[in-house]
PDB file of N, CA and C in Angstrom:
ATOM      1  N   MET A   1     192.434 145.810  69.572  1.00  0.00           N
ATOM      2  CA  MET A   1     191.596 146.890  69.099  1.00  0.00           C
ATOM      3  C   MET A   1     191.282 147.827  70.258  1.00  0.00           C
ATOM      4  N   THR A   2     191.472 149.122  70.045  1.00  0.00           N
ATOM      5  CA  THR A   2     191.267 150.099  71.112  1.00  0.00           C
ATOM      6  C   THR A   2     189.845 150.621  71.176  1.00  0.00           C
ATOM      7  N   GLY A   3     189.089 150.517  70.096  1.00  0.00           N
ATOM      8  CA  GLY A   3     187.730 151.033  70.079  1.00  0.00           C
ATOM      9  C   GLY A   3     187.654 152.520  69.818  1.00  0.00           C
ATOM     10  N   VAL A   4     188.805 153.172  69.622  1.00  0.00           N
ATOM     11  CA  VAL A   4     188.823 154.615  69.408  1.00  0.00           C
ATOM     12  C   VAL A   4     188.250 154.949  68.039  1.00  0.00           C
ATOM     13  N   THR A   5     187.402 155.958  68.008  1.00  0.00           N
ATOM     14  CA  THR A   5     186.748 156.399  66.788  1.00  0.00           C
ATOM     15  C   THR A   5     186.617 157.919  66.815  1.00  0.00           C
ATOM     16  N   SER A   6     185.940 158.481  65.838  1.00  0.00           N
ATOM     17  CA  SER A   6     185.729 159.931  65.803  1.00  0.00           C
ATOM     18  C   SER A   6     184.944 160.365  67.037  1.00  0.00           C
ATOM     19  N   PRO A   7     185.262 161.538  67.589  1.00  0.00           N
ATOM     20  CA  PRO A   7     184.610 161.970  68.825  1.00  0.00           C
ATOM     21  C   PRO A   7     183.158 162.403  68.635  1.00  0.00           C
ATOM     22  N   TRP A   8     182.403 162.295  69.725  1.00  0.00           N
ATOM     23  CA  TRP A   8     181.025 162.761  69.783  1.00  0.00           C
ATOM     24  C   TRP A   8     180.717 163.181  71.214  1.00  0.00           C
ATOM     25  N   TYR A   9     179.627 163.920  71.375  1.00  0.00           N
ATOM     26  CA  TYR A   9     179.222 164.353  72.705  1.00  0.00           C
ATOM     27  C   TYR A   9     177.713 164.557  72.746  1.00  0.00           C
ATOM     28  N   SER A  10     177.201 164.726  73.946  1.00  0.00           N
ATOM     29  CA  SER A  10     175.791 165.036  74.153  1.00  0.00           C
ATOM     30  C   SER A  10     175.690 166.496  74.563  1.00  0.00           C
ATOM     31  N   VAL A  11     174.670 167.167  74.091  1.00  0.00           N
ATOM     32  CA  VAL A  11     174.475 168.569  74.456  1.00  0.00           C
ATOM     33  C   VAL A  11     174.185 168.719  75.949  1.00  0.00           C
ATOM     34  N   THR A  12     173.858 167.625  76.631  1.00  0.00           N
ATOM     35  CA  THR A  12     173.547 167.682  78.063  1.00  0.00           C
ATOM     36  C   THR A  12     174.716 167.244  78.951  1.00  0.00           C
ATOM     37  N   GLU A  13     175.861 166.884  78.342  1.00  0.00           N
ATOM     38  CA  GLU A  13     177.027 166.442  79.117  1.00  0.00           C
ATOM     39  C   GLU A  13     178.161 167.457  79.028  1.00  0.00           C
ATOM     40  N   SER A  14     179.084 167.356  79.956  1.00  0.00           N
ATOM     41  CA  SER A  14     180.230 168.270  79.969  1.00  0.00           C
ATOM     42  C   SER A  14     181.496 167.608  79.434  1.00  0.00           C
ATOM     43  N   VAL A  15     181.374 166.399  78.859  1.00  0.00           N
ATOM     44  CA  VAL A  15     182.533 165.674  78.319  1.00  0.00           C
ATOM     45  C   VAL A  15     182.223 165.182  76.909  1.00  0.00           C
ATOM     46  N   HIS A  16     183.297 164.783  76.186  1.00  0.00           N
ATOM     47  CA  HIS A  16     183.092 164.142  74.888  1.00  0.00           C
ATOM     48  C   HIS A  16     183.569 162.696  74.986  1.00  0.00           C
ATOM     49  N   HIS A  17     183.209 161.900  73.993  1.00  0.00           N
ATOM     50  CA  HIS A  17     183.541 160.477  73.956  1.00  0.00           C
ATOM     51  C   HIS A  17     184.280 160.175  72.663  1.00  0.00           C
ATOM     52  N   ASN A  18     185.105 159.129  72.684  1.00  0.00           N
ATOM     53  CA  ASN A  18     185.794 158.708  71.458  1.00  0.00           C
ATOM     54  C   ASN A  18     186.050 157.197  71.429  1.00  0.00           C
ATOM     55  N   ASN A  19     185.323 156.460  72.262  1.00  0.00           N
ATOM     56  CA  ASN A  19     185.528 155.018  72.325  1.00  0.00           C
ATOM     57  C   ASN A  19     184.193 154.305  72.169  1.00  0.00           C
ATOM     58  N   GLU A  20     184.096 153.454  71.160  1.00  0.00           N
ATOM     59  CA  GLU A  20     182.830 152.773  70.875  1.00  0.00           C
ATOM     60  C   GLU A  20     182.391 151.818  71.983  1.00  0.00           C
ATOM     61  N   HIS A  21     183.269 151.503  72.917  1.00  0.00           N
ATOM     62  CA  HIS A  21     182.931 150.600  74.023  1.00  0.00           C
ATOM     63  C   HIS A  21     182.473 151.349  75.281  1.00  0.00           C
ATOM     64  N   CYS A  22     182.454 152.667  75.226  1.00  0.00           N
ATOM     65  CA  CYS A  22     182.050 153.476  76.381  1.00  0.00           C
ATOM     66  C   CYS A  22     180.543 153.347  76.591  1.00  0.00           C
ATOM     67  N   ARG A  23     180.155 152.896  77.769  1.00  0.00           N
ATOM     68  CA  ARG A  23     178.726 152.736  78.077  1.00  0.00           C
ATOM     69  C   ARG A  23     178.019 154.084  78.165  1.00  0.00           C
ATOM     70  N   VAL A  24     178.661 155.065  78.757  1.00  0.00           N
ATOM     71  CA  VAL A  24     178.044 156.386  78.901  1.00  0.00           C
ATOM     72  C   VAL A  24     177.819 157.009  77.525  1.00  0.00           C
ATOM     73  N   GLY A  25     178.854 156.995  76.689  1.00  0.00           N
ATOM     74  CA  GLY A  25     178.741 157.567  75.351  1.00  0.00           C
ATOM     75  C   GLY A  25     177.780 156.810  74.461  1.00  0.00           C
ATOM     76  N   GLY A  26     177.657 155.527  74.695  1.00  0.00           N
ATOM     77  CA  GLY A  26     176.761 154.705  73.898  1.00  0.00           C
ATOM     78  C   GLY A  26     175.300 154.879  74.254  1.00  0.00           C
ATOM     79  N   ASN A  27     175.029 155.480  75.387  1.00  0.00           N
ATOM     80  CA  ASN A  27     173.650 155.665  75.845  1.00  0.00           C
ATOM     81  C   ASN A  27     173.083 157.048  75.535  1.00  0.00           C
ATOM     82  N   ILE A  28     173.784 157.818  74.727  1.00  0.00           N
ATOM     83  CA  ILE A  28     173.297 159.159  74.397  1.00  0.00           C
ATOM     84  C   ILE A  28     172.111 159.059  73.446  1.00  0.00           C
ATOM     85  N   ILE A  29     171.067 159.782  73.762  1.00  0.00           N
ATOM     86  CA  ILE A  29     169.877 159.841  72.911  1.00  0.00           C
ATOM     87  C   ILE A  29     170.246 160.563  71.618  1.00  0.00           C
ATOM     88  N   VAL A  30     169.841 160.001  70.492  1.00  0.00           N
ATOM     89  CA  VAL A  30     170.254 160.488  69.171  1.00  0.00           C
ATOM     90  C   VAL A  30     169.997 161.982  68.989  1.00  0.00           C
ATOM     91  N   ARG A  31     168.879 162.486  69.427  1.00  0.00           N
ATOM     92  CA  ARG A  31     168.576 163.902  69.202  1.00  0.00           C
ATOM     93  C   ARG A  31     169.481 164.834  70.004  1.00  0.00           C
ATOM     94  N   ARG A  32     170.199 164.293  71.007  1.00  0.00           N
ATOM     95  CA  ARG A  32     171.129 165.100  71.803  1.00  0.00           C
ATOM     96  C   ARG A  32     172.581 164.916  71.350  1.00  0.00           C
ATOM     97  N   LEU A  33     172.804 164.015  70.415  1.00  0.00           N
ATOM     98  CA  LEU A  33     174.155 163.665  69.970  1.00  0.00           C
ATOM     99  C   LEU A  33     174.690 164.681  68.972  1.00  0.00           C
ATOM    100  N   ARG A  34     175.951 165.067  69.143  1.00  0.00           N
ATOM    101  CA  ARG A  34     176.644 165.957  68.213  1.00  0.00           C
ATOM    102  C   ARG A  34     178.013 165.362  67.924  1.00  0.00           C
ATOM    103  N   LEU A  35     178.513 165.575  66.724  1.00  0.00           N
ATOM    104  CA  LEU A  35     179.835 165.095  66.350  1.00  0.00           C
ATOM    105  C   LEU A  35     180.899 166.103  66.776  1.00  0.00           C
ATOM    106  N   GLY A  36     182.086 165.599  67.080  1.00  0.00           N
ATOM    107  CA  GLY A  36     183.196 166.444  67.512  1.00  0.00           C
ATOM    108  C   GLY A  36     183.356 166.417  69.016  1.00  0.00           C
ATOM    109  N   THR A  37     184.231 167.272  69.510  1.00  0.00           N
ATOM    110  CA  THR A  37     184.493 167.325  70.950  1.00  0.00           C
ATOM    111  C   THR A  37     183.657 168.383  71.651  1.00  0.00           C
ATOM    112  N   GLY A  38     183.165 169.349  70.912  1.00  0.00           N
ATOM    113  CA  GLY A  38     182.398 170.430  71.527  1.00  0.00           C
ATOM    114  C   GLY A  38     183.227 171.246  72.506  1.00  0.00           C
ATOM    115  N   GLY A  39     184.568 171.122  72.413  1.00  0.00           N
ATOM    116  CA  GLY A  39     185.440 171.827  73.340  1.00  0.00           C
ATOM    117  C   GLY A  39     185.435 171.235  74.739  1.00  0.00           C
ATOM    118  N   ARG A  40     184.887 170.044  74.858  1.00  0.00           N
ATOM    119  CA  ARG A  40     184.772 169.384  76.161  1.00  0.00           C
ATOM    120  C   ARG A  40     185.947 168.424  76.374  1.00  0.00           C
ATOM    121  N   PRO A  41     186.323 168.155  77.623  1.00  0.00           N
ATOM    122  CA  PRO A  41     187.376 167.174  77.903  1.00  0.00           C
ATOM    123  C   PRO A  41     186.884 165.757  77.627  1.00  0.00           C
ATOM    124  N   LEU A  42     187.813 164.832  77.506  1.00  0.00           N
ATOM    125  CA  LEU A  42     187.494 163.428  77.249  1.00  0.00           C
ATOM    126  C   LEU A  42     186.853 162.778  78.474  1.00  0.00           C
ATOM    127  N   CYS A  43     185.860 161.970  78.232  1.00  0.00           N
ATOM    128  CA  CYS A  43     185.175 161.189  79.262  1.00  0.00           C
ATOM    129  C   CYS A  43     186.191 160.282  79.979  1.00  0.00           C
ATOM    130  N   LYS A  44     186.068 160.145  81.289  1.00  0.00           N
ATOM    131  CA  LYS A  44     186.995 159.307  82.061  1.00  0.00           C
ATOM    132  C   LYS A  44     186.910 157.841  81.662  1.00  0.00           C
ATOM    133  N   GLU A  45     185.718 157.354  81.334  1.00  0.00           N
ATOM    134  CA  GLU A  45     185.587 155.962  80.926  1.00  0.00           C
ATOM    135  C   GLU A  45     186.285 155.719  79.585  1.00  0.00           C
ATOM    136  N   CYS A  46     186.140 156.653  78.633  1.00  0.00           N
ATOM    137  CA  CYS A  46     186.829 156.526  77.341  1.00  0.00           C
ATOM    138  C   CYS A  46     188.345 156.497  77.553  1.00  0.00           C
ATOM    139  N   ALA A  47     188.844 157.387  78.390  1.00  0.00           N
ATOM    140  CA  ALA A  47     190.283 157.432  78.673  1.00  0.00           C
ATOM    141  C   ALA A  47     190.752 156.128  79.295  1.00  0.00           C
ATOM    142  N   ARG A  48     189.976 155.578  80.227  1.00  0.00           N
ATOM    143  CA  ARG A  48     190.334 154.318  80.889  1.00  0.00           C
ATOM    144  C   ARG A  48     190.359 153.168  79.880  1.00  0.00           C
ATOM    145  N   LEU A  49     189.372 153.120  79.002  1.00  0.00           N
ATOM    146  CA  LEU A  49     189.311 152.052  78.003  1.00  0.00           C
ATOM    147  C   LEU A  49     190.517 152.086  77.070  1.00  0.00           C
ATOM    148  N   VAL A  50     190.924 153.262  76.655  1.00  0.00           N
ATOM    149  CA  VAL A  50     192.088 153.397  75.779  1.00  0.00           C
ATOM    150  C   VAL A  50     193.353 152.950  76.518  1.00  0.00           C
ATOM    151  N   LEU A  51     193.498 153.367  77.766  1.00  0.00           N
ATOM    152  CA  LEU A  51     194.663 152.997  78.562  1.00  0.00           C
ATOM    153  C   LEU A  51     194.750 151.481  78.749  1.00  0.00           C
ATOM    154  N   GLU A  52     193.633 150.842  79.039  1.00  0.00           N
ATOM    155  CA  GLU A  52     193.611 149.382  79.201  1.00  0.00           C
ATOM    156  C   GLU A  52     193.992 148.671  77.901  1.00  0.00           C
ATOM    157  N   ALA A  53     193.487 149.159  76.780  1.00  0.00           N
ATOM    158  CA  ALA A  53     193.807 148.551  75.485  1.00  0.00           C
ATOM    159  C   ALA A  53     195.286 148.702  75.172  1.00  0.00           C
ATOM    160  N   GLU A  54     195.859 149.858  75.490  1.00  0.00           N
ATOM    161  CA  GLU A  54     197.287 150.069  75.254  1.00  0.00           C
ATOM    162  C   GLU A  54     198.127 149.144  76.129  1.00  0.00           C
ATOM    163  N   ARG A  55     197.712 148.941  77.363  1.00  0.00           N
ATOM    164  CA  ARG A  55     198.441 148.038  78.269  1.00  0.00           C
ATOM    165  C   ARG A  55     198.400 146.602  77.760  1.00  0.00           C
ATOM    166  N   ARG A  56     197.226 146.160  77.288  1.00  0.00           N
ATOM    167  CA  ARG A  56     197.116 144.803  76.738  1.00  0.00           C
ATOM    168  C   ARG A  56     198.001 144.649  75.508  1.00  0.00           C
ATOM    169  N   GLN A  57     198.008 145.652  74.653  1.00  0.00           N
ATOM    170  CA  GLN A  57     198.815 145.606  73.434  1.00  0.00           C
ATOM    171  C   GLN A  57     200.298 145.526  73.781  1.00  0.00           C
ATOM    172  N   THR A  58     200.742 146.320  74.753  1.00  0.00           N
ATOM    173  CA  THR A  58     202.140 146.296  75.172  1.00  0.00           C
ATOM    174  C   THR A  58     202.518 144.947  75.746  1.00  0.00           C
ATOM    175  N   ALA A  59     201.644 144.353  76.534  1.00  0.00           N
ATOM    176  CA  ALA A  59     201.905 143.041  77.139  1.00  0.00           C
ATOM    177  C   ALA A  59     202.014 141.976  76.055  1.00  0.00           C
ATOM    178  N   GLN A  60     201.177 142.037  75.036  1.00  0.00           N
ATOM    179  CA  GLN A  60     201.213 141.060  73.951  1.00  0.00           C
ATOM    180  C   GLN A  60     202.488 141.199  73.124  1.00  0.00           C
ATOM    181  N   GLU A  61     202.905 142.452  72.905  1.00  0.00           N
ATOM    182  CA  GLU A  61     204.099 142.691  72.086  1.00  0.00           C
ATOM    183  C   GLU A  61     205.377 142.273  72.813  1.00  0.00           C
ATOM    184  N   SER A  62     205.368 142.344  74.131  1.00  0.00           N
ATOM    185  CA  SER A  62     206.592 142.015  74.883  1.00  0.00           C
ATOM    186  C   SER A  62     206.767 140.498  75.000  1.00  0.00           C
ATOM    187  N   GLY A  63     205.706 139.743  74.773  1.00  0.00           N
ATOM    188  CA  GLY A  63     205.815 138.276  74.820  1.00  0.00           C
ATOM    189  C   GLY A  63     205.894 137.772  76.247  1.00  0.00           C
ATOM    190  N   PRO A  64     206.121 136.471  76.407  1.00  0.00           N
ATOM    191  CA  PRO A  64     206.188 135.881  77.742  1.00  0.00           C
ATOM    192  C   PRO A  64     207.424 136.341  78.505  1.00  0.00           C
ATOM    193  N   ALA A  65     207.279 136.442  79.807  1.00  0.00           N
ATOM    194  CA  ALA A  65     208.417 136.820  80.647  1.00  0.00           C
ATOM    195  C   ALA A  65     209.404 135.653  80.728  1.00  0.00           C
ATOM    196  N   VAL A  66     210.648 135.939  81.066  1.00  0.00           N
ATOM    197  CA  VAL A  66     211.666 134.909  81.202  1.00  0.00           C
ATOM    198  C   VAL A  66     211.211 133.918  82.271  1.00  0.00           C
ATOM    199  N   GLY A  67     211.274 132.643  81.977  1.00  0.00           N
ATOM    200  CA  GLY A  67     210.850 131.611  82.904  1.00  0.00           C
ATOM    201  C   GLY A  67     209.397 131.194  82.674  1.00  0.00           C
ATOM    202  N   ASP A  68     208.669 131.928  81.824  1.00  0.00           N
ATOM    203  CA  ASP A  68     207.280 131.567  81.529  1.00  0.00           C
ATOM    204  C   ASP A  68     207.172 130.581  80.374  1.00  0.00           C
ATOM    205  N   VAL A  69     208.266 130.295  79.723  1.00  0.00           N
ATOM    206  CA  VAL A  69     208.230 129.451  78.534  1.00  0.00           C
ATOM    207  C   VAL A  69     208.131 127.996  78.886  1.00  0.00           C
TER     208      VAL A  69
END
């Protein structure tokens, strides 16, 4: 599971979030929260979380390396 969901942002930040596991995005005060990207770039933590999830998924799909059996 990548945790990717619909984007949101805070009116006080310069980035948007799209990962439910992002600590920064999860700490936004409700009254400052807006849905969408707001034209802002993706948060670095959200991008990192997605990249890590994709790497884990690729490793699982490729199975054990030769000699690991």
